[in-house]
PDB file of N, CA and C in Angstrom:
ATOM      1  N   MET A   1      -7.705 -22.468  18.433  1.00  0.00           N
ATOM      2  CA  MET A   1      -8.396 -20.895  17.244  1.00  0.00           C
ATOM      3  C   MET A   1      -7.081 -20.317  17.149  1.00  0.00           C
ATOM      4  N   ASP A   2      -6.110 -19.483  18.421  1.00  0.00           N
ATOM      5  CA  ASP A   2      -5.324 -18.908  17.713  1.00  0.00           C
ATOM      6  C   ASP A   2      -3.751 -19.387  17.424  1.00  0.00           C
ATOM      7  N   ASP A   3      -3.491 -21.019  17.592  1.00  0.00           N
ATOM      8  CA  ASP A   3      -2.321 -21.661  17.032  1.00  0.00           C
ATOM      9  C   ASP A   3      -3.012 -21.071  15.046  1.00  0.00           C
ATOM     10  N   TYR A   4      -4.349 -21.825  14.895  1.00  0.00           N
ATOM     11  CA  TYR A   4      -4.810 -22.136  13.478  1.00  0.00           C
ATOM     12  C   TYR A   4      -4.361 -20.958  12.996  1.00  0.00           C
ATOM     13  N   LEU A   5      -4.763 -19.314  13.987  1.00  0.00           N
ATOM     14  CA  LEU A   5      -5.115 -18.134  13.352  1.00  0.00           C
ATOM     15  C   LEU A   5      -3.692 -18.211  12.689  1.00  0.00           C
ATOM     16  N   ASP A   6      -2.474 -17.543  13.887  1.00  0.00           N
ATOM     17  CA  ASP A   6      -1.426 -17.566  13.960  1.00  0.00           C
ATOM     18  C   ASP A   6      -0.412 -17.756  12.321  1.00  0.00           C
ATOM     19  N   THR A   7      -1.233 -19.556  12.356  1.00  0.00           N
ATOM     20  CA  THR A   7      -0.683 -20.845  11.012  1.00  0.00           C
ATOM     21  C   THR A   7      -0.779 -19.969  10.272  1.00  0.00           C
ATOM     22  N   ASN A   8      -2.208 -19.820   9.931  1.00  0.00           N
ATOM     23  CA  ASN A   8      -2.881 -20.021   8.821  1.00  0.00           C
ATOM     24  C   ASN A   8      -3.207 -18.165   7.664  1.00  0.00           C
ATOM     25  N   TYR A   9      -3.242 -17.251   9.379  1.00  0.00           N
ATOM     26  CA  TYR A   9      -3.373 -15.439   8.585  1.00  0.00           C
ATOM     27  C   TYR A   9      -2.265 -15.024   9.421  1.00  0.00           C
ATOM     28  N   ARG A  10      -2.501 -14.513  10.654  1.00  0.00           N
ATOM     29  CA  ARG A  10      -1.520 -13.382  10.975  1.00  0.00           C
ATOM     30  C   ARG A  10       0.016 -13.544  10.414  1.00  0.00           C
ATOM     31  N   GLY A  11       0.722 -15.276  10.861  1.00  0.00           N
ATOM     32  CA  GLY A  11       1.841 -15.470   9.980  1.00  0.00           C
ATOM     33  C   GLY A  11       2.968 -15.253   8.988  1.00  0.00           C
ATOM     34  N   PRO A  12       1.378 -15.348   7.706  1.00  0.00           N
ATOM     35  CA  PRO A  12       2.275 -15.282   7.019  1.00  0.00           C
ATOM     36  C   PRO A  12       2.227 -13.610   6.896  1.00  0.00           C
ATOM     37  N   ILE A  13       1.267 -13.380   6.893  1.00  0.00           N
ATOM     38  CA  ILE A  13       0.633 -12.110   6.762  1.00  0.00           C
ATOM     39  C   ILE A  13       2.358 -10.989   7.732  1.00  0.00           C
ATOM     40  N   PHE A  14       2.329 -11.601   8.824  1.00  0.00           N
ATOM     41  CA  PHE A  14       3.764 -10.122   9.517  1.00  0.00           C
ATOM     42  C   PHE A  14       4.863 -10.553   8.528  1.00  0.00           C
ATOM     43  N   ASN A  15       4.972 -12.099   8.106  1.00  0.00           N
ATOM     44  CA  ASN A  15       6.242 -12.041   7.113  1.00  0.00           C
ATOM     45  C   ASN A  15       6.545 -11.588   6.364  1.00  0.00           C
ATOM     46  N   ILE A  16       5.566 -11.449   5.275  1.00  0.00           N
ATOM     47  CA  ILE A  16       5.702 -10.757   4.140  1.00  0.00           C
ATOM     48  C   ILE A  16       5.981  -8.894   5.129  1.00  0.00           C
ATOM     49  N   VAL A  17       5.169  -8.990   4.865  1.00  0.00           N
ATOM     50  CA  VAL A  17       5.375  -7.321   5.773  1.00  0.00           C
ATOM     51  C   VAL A  17       6.447  -6.844   6.183  1.00  0.00           C
ATOM     52  N   SER A  18       7.127  -7.641   6.989  1.00  0.00           N
ATOM     53  CA  SER A  18       8.397  -7.539   7.457  1.00  0.00           C
ATOM     54  C   SER A  18       9.839  -7.399   6.528  1.00  0.00           C
ATOM     55  N   SER A  19       9.157  -8.104   5.503  1.00  0.00           N
ATOM     56  CA  SER A  19      10.269  -8.196   4.520  1.00  0.00           C
ATOM     57  C   SER A  19       9.582  -7.159   3.436  1.00  0.00           C
ATOM     58  N   LEU A  20       9.006  -5.865   3.500  1.00  0.00           N
ATOM     59  CA  LEU A  20       8.752  -5.417   2.918  1.00  0.00           C
ATOM     60  C   LEU A  20       9.609  -3.434   2.631  1.00  0.00           C
ATOM     61  N   PRO A  21      10.074  -2.741   1.522  1.00  0.00           N
ATOM     62  CA  PRO A  21      10.427  -1.745   1.603  1.00  0.00           C
ATOM     63  C   PRO A  21       9.413  -0.700   2.101  1.00  0.00           C
ATOM     64  N   ARG A  22       9.833   0.400   2.527  1.00  0.00           N
ATOM     65  CA  ARG A  22       9.407   1.465   3.870  1.00  0.00           C
ATOM     66  C   ARG A  22       7.865   1.488   2.490  1.00  0.00           C
ATOM     67  N   THR A  23       8.884   2.258   1.136  1.00  0.00           N
ATOM     68  CA  THR A  23       7.428   2.795   0.299  1.00  0.00           C
ATOM     69  C   THR A  23       6.372   1.889   0.261  1.00  0.00           C
ATOM     70  N   ASN A  24       6.691   0.460   0.121  1.00  0.00           N
ATOM     71  CA  ASN A  24       5.204  -0.621   0.534  1.00  0.00           C
ATOM     72  C   ASN A  24       4.651  -0.632   1.579  1.00  0.00           C
ATOM     73  N   LEU A  25       5.097  -0.226   2.905  1.00  0.00           N
ATOM     74  CA  LEU A  25       4.973  -0.373   4.012  1.00  0.00           C
ATOM     75  C   LEU A  25       3.692   1.360   3.680  1.00  0.00           C
ATOM     76  N   SER A  26       4.228   2.175   4.054  1.00  0.00           N
ATOM     77  CA  SER A  26       3.506   3.683   2.987  1.00  0.00           C
ATOM     78  C   SER A  26       2.225   3.187   2.719  1.00  0.00           C
ATOM     79  N   GLU A  27       1.689   2.181   1.551  1.00  0.00           N
ATOM     80  CA  GLU A  27       0.686   2.419   0.669  1.00  0.00           C
ATOM     81  C   GLU A  27      -0.162   1.201   1.775  1.00  0.00           C
ATOM     82  N   ILE A  28       0.969   0.083   2.628  1.00  0.00           N
ATOM     83  CA  ILE A  28      -0.503  -0.683   3.102  1.00  0.00           C
ATOM     84  C   ILE A  28      -0.671   0.114   4.503  1.00  0.00           C
ATOM     85  N   ALA A  29       0.576   0.896   5.058  1.00  0.00           N
ATOM     86  CA  ALA A  29      -0.928   2.268   5.988  1.00  0.00           C
ATOM     87  C   ALA A  29      -1.789   3.193   5.295  1.00  0.00           C
ATOM     88  N   GLU A  30      -2.008   3.349   4.297  1.00  0.00           N
ATOM     89  CA  GLU A  30      -2.874   4.439   3.286  1.00  0.00           C
ATOM     90  C   GLU A  30      -3.675   3.896   2.964  1.00  0.00           C
ATOM     91  N   ALA A  31      -3.663   2.237   2.485  1.00  0.00           N
ATOM     92  CA  ALA A  31      -4.776   1.115   2.289  1.00  0.00           C
ATOM     93  C   ALA A  31      -5.780   0.817   3.320  1.00  0.00           C
ATOM     94  N   LEU A  32      -4.949   0.559   4.795  1.00  0.00           N
ATOM     95  CA  LEU A  32      -5.012   0.453   6.485  1.00  0.00           C
ATOM     96  C   LEU A  32      -6.761   1.761   6.444  1.00  0.00           C
ATOM     97  N   ILE A  33      -5.849   3.121   6.117  1.00  0.00           N
ATOM     98  CA  ILE A  33      -6.985   4.568   6.894  1.00  0.00           C
ATOM     99  C   ILE A  33      -8.432   4.662   5.674  1.00  0.00           C
ATOM    100  N   ASN A  34      -8.276   4.395   4.776  1.00  0.00           N
ATOM    101  CA  ASN A  34      -9.116   4.169   3.694  1.00  0.00           C
ATOM    102  C   ASN A  34      -9.954   3.051   4.141  1.00  0.00           C
ATOM    103  N   ILE A  35      -9.808   2.304   4.170  1.00  0.00           N
ATOM    104  CA  ILE A  35     -10.568   1.042   4.759  1.00  0.00           C
ATOM    105  C   ILE A  35     -11.623   1.020   5.821  1.00  0.00           C
ATOM    106  N   THR A  36     -10.917   1.287   7.498  1.00  0.00           N
ATOM    107  CA  THR A  36     -11.088   2.350   8.620  1.00  0.00           C
ATOM    108  C   THR A  36     -12.362   3.206   7.782  1.00  0.00           C
ATOM    109  N   SER A  37     -11.503   3.842   6.856  1.00  0.00           N
ATOM    110  CA  SER A  37     -12.748   4.977   6.482  1.00  0.00           C
ATOM    111  C   SER A  37     -14.223   4.257   6.089  1.00  0.00           C
ATOM    112  N   LEU A  38     -13.985   3.252   4.889  1.00  0.00           N
ATOM    113  CA  LEU A  38     -14.545   3.315   4.407  1.00  0.00           C
ATOM    114  C   LEU A  38     -16.129   2.419   5.723  1.00  0.00           C
ATOM    115  N   ARG A  39     -15.665   1.428   6.470  1.00  0.00           N
ATOM    116  CA  ARG A  39     -15.872   0.612   6.774  1.00  0.00           C
ATOM    117  C   ARG A  39     -16.707   1.679   8.205  1.00  0.00           C
ATOM    118  N   ARG A  40     -16.340   2.849   8.873  1.00  0.00           N
ATOM    119  CA  ARG A  40     -17.340   3.232   9.535  1.00  0.00           C
ATOM    120  C   ARG A  40     -17.991   3.817   9.298  1.00  0.00           C
ATOM    121  N   HIS A  41     -17.927   4.575   7.284  1.00  0.00           N
ATOM    122  CA  HIS A  41     -18.657   5.718   6.839  1.00  0.00           C
ATOM    123  C   HIS A  41     -20.247   4.540   6.177  1.00  0.00           C
ATOM    124  N   VAL A  42     -19.840   3.570   6.227  1.00  0.00           N
ATOM    125  CA  VAL A  42     -21.312   2.286   5.680  1.00  0.00           C
ATOM    126  C   VAL A  42     -21.805   2.094   7.127  1.00  0.00           C
ATOM    127  N   SER A  43     -21.317   2.186   8.625  1.00  0.00           N
ATOM    128  CA  SER A  43     -21.585   1.542   9.775  1.00  0.00           C
ATOM    129  C   SER A  43     -22.254   2.937  10.325  1.00  0.00           C
ATOM    130  N   THR A  44     -22.776   2.165  11.430  1.00  0.00           N
ATOM    131  CA  THR A  44     -23.474   3.221  12.383  1.00  0.00           C
ATOM    132  C   THR A  44     -22.036   3.687  12.994  1.00  0.00           C
ATOM    133  N   ASP A  45     -21.837   3.277  13.134  1.00  0.00           N
ATOM    134  CA  ASP A  45     -19.987   4.123  14.439  1.00  0.00           C
ATOM    135  C   ASP A  45     -19.500   5.349  14.047  1.00  0.00           C
ATOM    136  N   SER A  46     -20.106   6.652  14.304  1.00  0.00           N
ATOM    137  CA  SER A  46     -18.840   7.623  14.101  1.00  0.00           C
ATOM    138  C   SER A  46     -17.937   7.988  13.246  1.00  0.00           C
ATOM    139  N   GLU A  47     -17.967   8.595  11.859  1.00  0.00           N
ATOM    140  CA  GLU A  47     -17.442   8.272  11.173  1.00  0.00           C
ATOM    141  C   GLU A  47     -15.967   9.213  11.736  1.00  0.00           C
ATOM    142  N   THR A  48     -14.914   9.344  12.418  1.00  0.00           N
ATOM    143  CA  THR A  48     -13.672   9.516  12.908  1.00  0.00           C
ATOM    144  C   THR A  48     -12.332   9.805  12.036  1.00  0.00           C
ATOM    145  N   VAL A  49     -12.651   8.793  10.481  1.00  0.00           N
ATOM    146  CA  VAL A  49     -11.478   8.680  10.051  1.00  0.00           C
ATOM    147  C   VAL A  49     -12.363   8.924   8.427  1.00  0.00           C
ATOM    148  N   GLY A  50     -11.486   9.635   7.597  1.00  0.00           N
ATOM    149  CA  GLY A  50     -11.577  10.119   6.374  1.00  0.00           C
ATOM    150  C   GLY A  50     -10.851  11.377   6.142  1.00  0.00           C
ATOM    151  N   GLY A  51     -11.189  11.474   4.681  1.00  0.00           N
ATOM    152  CA  GLY A  51     -10.870  12.654   3.852  1.00  0.00           C
ATOM    153  C   GLY A  51      -9.535  12.245   3.744  1.00  0.00           C
ATOM    154  N   PRO A  52      -8.842  13.062   2.542  1.00  0.00           N
ATOM    155  CA  PRO A  52      -7.668  12.905   1.953  1.00  0.00           C
ATOM    156  C   PRO A  52      -6.519  12.917   2.996  1.00  0.00           C
ATOM    157  N   THR A  53      -5.664  11.820   2.556  1.00  0.00           N
ATOM    158  CA  THR A  53      -4.599  11.587   3.919  1.00  0.00           C
ATOM    159  C   THR A  53      -3.478  11.794   2.979  1.00  0.00           C
ATOM    160  N   ASP A  54      -2.416  11.914   4.265  1.00  0.00           N
ATOM    161  CA  ASP A  54      -1.119  12.801   4.023  1.00  0.00           C
ATOM    162  C   ASP A  54      -0.830  11.393   4.395  1.00  0.00           C
ATOM    163  N   VAL A  55       1.150  10.949   3.661  1.00  0.00           N
ATOM    164  CA  VAL A  55       1.556  10.105   3.770  1.00  0.00           C
ATOM    165  C   VAL A  55       3.035  10.396   4.091  1.00  0.00           C
ATOM    166  N   ALA A  56       3.174   9.765   5.562  1.00  0.00           N
ATOM    167  CA  ALA A  56       4.901  10.281   5.319  1.00  0.00           C
ATOM    168  C   ALA A  56       5.991   8.748   6.042  1.00  0.00           C
ATOM    169  N   ILE A  57       6.891   9.141   5.865  1.00  0.00           N
ATOM    170  CA  ILE A  57       7.527   7.948   6.583  1.00  0.00           C
ATOM    171  C   ILE A  57       8.721   8.643   7.497  1.00  0.00           C
ATOM    172  N   ILE A  58       8.908   7.913   8.536  1.00  0.00           N
ATOM    173  CA  ILE A  58      10.427   8.535   9.815  1.00  0.00           C
ATOM    174  C   ILE A  58      10.909   7.313   9.567  1.00  0.00           C
ATOM    175  N   ALA A  59      12.523   7.577   9.452  1.00  0.00           N
ATOM    176  CA  ALA A  59      13.103   6.543   9.269  1.00  0.00           C
ATOM    177  C   ALA A  59      14.610   6.744   9.883  1.00  0.00           C
ATOM    178  N   LYS A  60      15.272   5.723  10.844  1.00  0.00           N
ATOM    179  CA  LYS A  60      16.487   6.610  11.136  1.00  0.00           C
ATOM    180  C   LYS A  60      17.673   7.504   9.921  1.00  0.00           C
ATOM    181  N   ALA A  61      18.074   6.666   9.289  1.00  0.00           N
ATOM    182  CA  ALA A  61      18.538   7.065   8.598  1.00  0.00           C
ATOM    183  C   ALA A  61      18.204   7.838   8.280  1.00  0.00           C
ATOM    184  N   ASP A  62      17.271   8.259   8.024  1.00  0.00           N
ATOM    185  CA  ASP A  62      16.357   9.856   6.760  1.00  0.00           C
ATOM    186  C   ASP A  62      15.637  10.507   6.870  1.00  0.00           C
ATOM    187  N   GLY A  63      15.336   9.541   8.294  1.00  0.00           N
ATOM    188  CA  GLY A  63      14.372  10.939   9.230  1.00  0.00           C
ATOM    189  C   GLY A  63      12.724  11.043   8.095  1.00  0.00           C
ATOM    190  N   PHE A  64      12.238  12.323   8.834  1.00  0.00           N
ATOM    191  CA  PHE A  64      10.883  12.567   7.471  1.00  0.00           C
ATOM    192  C   PHE A  64      10.666  12.749   6.653  1.00  0.00           C
ATOM    193  N   THR A  65      10.436  12.130   6.037  1.00  0.00           N
ATOM    194  CA  THR A  65      10.795  11.842   4.273  1.00  0.00           C
ATOM    195  C   THR A  65       8.942  12.002   3.427  1.00  0.00           C
ATOM    196  N   TRP A  66       8.245  12.896   2.827  1.00  0.00           N
ATOM    197  CA  TRP A  66       6.885  12.641   2.908  1.00  0.00           C
ATOM    198  C   TRP A  66       7.007  11.785   1.730  1.00  0.00           C
ATOM    199  N   VAL A  67       6.119  10.986   1.287  1.00  0.00           N
ATOM    200  CA  VAL A  67       5.236  10.173   0.243  1.00  0.00           C
ATOM    201  C   VAL A  67       4.468  10.387  -0.175  1.00  0.00           C
ATOM    202  N   LYS A  68       3.547  10.877   0.362  1.00  0.00           N
ATOM    203  CA  LYS A  68       1.944  11.666  -0.352  1.00  0.00           C
ATOM    204  C   LYS A  68       1.930  12.629   0.348  1.00  0.00           C
ATOM    205  N   ARG A  69       1.662  13.720  -0.385  1.00  0.00           N
ATOM    206  CA  ARG A  69       1.391  15.164   0.506  1.00  0.00           C
ATOM    207  C   ARG A  69      -0.108  15.913  -0.227  1.00  0.00           C
ATOM    208  N   LYS A  70      -1.276  16.019   0.453  1.00  0.00           N
ATOM    209  CA  LYS A  70      -2.011  17.363   0.134  1.00  0.00           C
ATOM    210  C   LYS A  70      -1.875  18.329  -0.392  1.00  0.00           C
ATOM    211  N   LYS A  71      -2.007  18.761  -1.574  1.00  0.00           N
ATOM    212  CA  LYS A  71      -1.932  19.794  -2.158  1.00  0.00           C
ATOM    213  C   LYS A  71      -2.986  21.120  -1.607  1.00  0.00           C
ATOM    214  N   TYR A  72      -1.947  21.670  -1.071  1.00  0.00           N
ATOM    215  CA  TYR A  72      -3.231  23.258   0.255  1.00  0.00           C
ATOM    216  C   TYR A  72      -2.783  23.838  -1.490  1.00  0.00           C
ATOM    217  N   PHE A  73      -3.814  25.271  -1.763  1.00  0.00           N
ATOM    218  CA  PHE A  73      -3.405  26.305  -2.133  1.00  0.00           C
ATOM    219  C   PHE A  73      -5.070  27.653  -1.396  1.00  0.00           C
ATOM    220  N   GLU A  74      -3.354  28.729  -1.800  1.00  0.00           N
ATOM    221  CA  GLU A  74      -4.296  29.549  -1.159  1.00  0.00           C
ATOM    222  C   GLU A  74      -5.517  30.006  -1.424  1.00  0.00           C
ATOM    223  N   LYS A  75      -7.031  30.759  -0.639  1.00  0.00           N
ATOM    224  CA  LYS A  75      -8.309  30.532  -1.307  1.00  0.00           C
ATOM    225  C   LYS A  75      -7.739  32.338  -2.238  1.00  0.00           C
ATOM    226  N   ASN A  76      -8.173  32.537  -3.017  1.00  0.00           N
ATOM    227  CA  ASN A  76      -7.844  33.446  -4.130  1.00  0.00           C
ATOM    228  C   ASN A  76      -8.924  35.054  -4.055  1.00  0.00           C
ATOM    229  N   ASN A  77      -8.740  36.101  -3.385  1.00  0.00           N
ATOM    230  CA  ASN A  77      -9.647  36.895  -2.945  1.00  0.00           C
ATOM    231  C   ASN A  77     -10.238  37.412  -4.245  1.00  0.00           C
ATOM    232  N   GLY A  78     -10.081  37.077  -5.677  1.00  0.00           N
ATOM    233  CA  GLY A  78     -11.082  37.710  -6.737  1.00  0.00           C
ATOM    234  C   GLY A  78      -9.220  38.965  -6.998  1.00  0.00           C
ATOM    235  N   ALA A  79      -8.728  39.166  -6.297  1.00  0.00           N
ATOM    236  CA  ALA A  79      -7.389  39.713  -7.374  1.00  0.00           C
ATOM    237  C   ALA A  79      -6.844  39.612  -8.790  1.00  0.00           C
TER     238      ALA A  79
END
């Protein structure tokens, strides 16, 4: 069964992912988080994942780079 899964499912996905550029990898990571959040939301498990997601890439050459970042606003105290 493991050989079948490797040949027909895992292998092709790993081959594609290994050749993707960083920005696509960050999109996949965000999508996996969103899928996990949805799965937890509709199941009886506790919702430990969810809400707005920040996405960054950490690379040897470029260091830390934001891909998607939540916007934070300061509270307006009526002034």
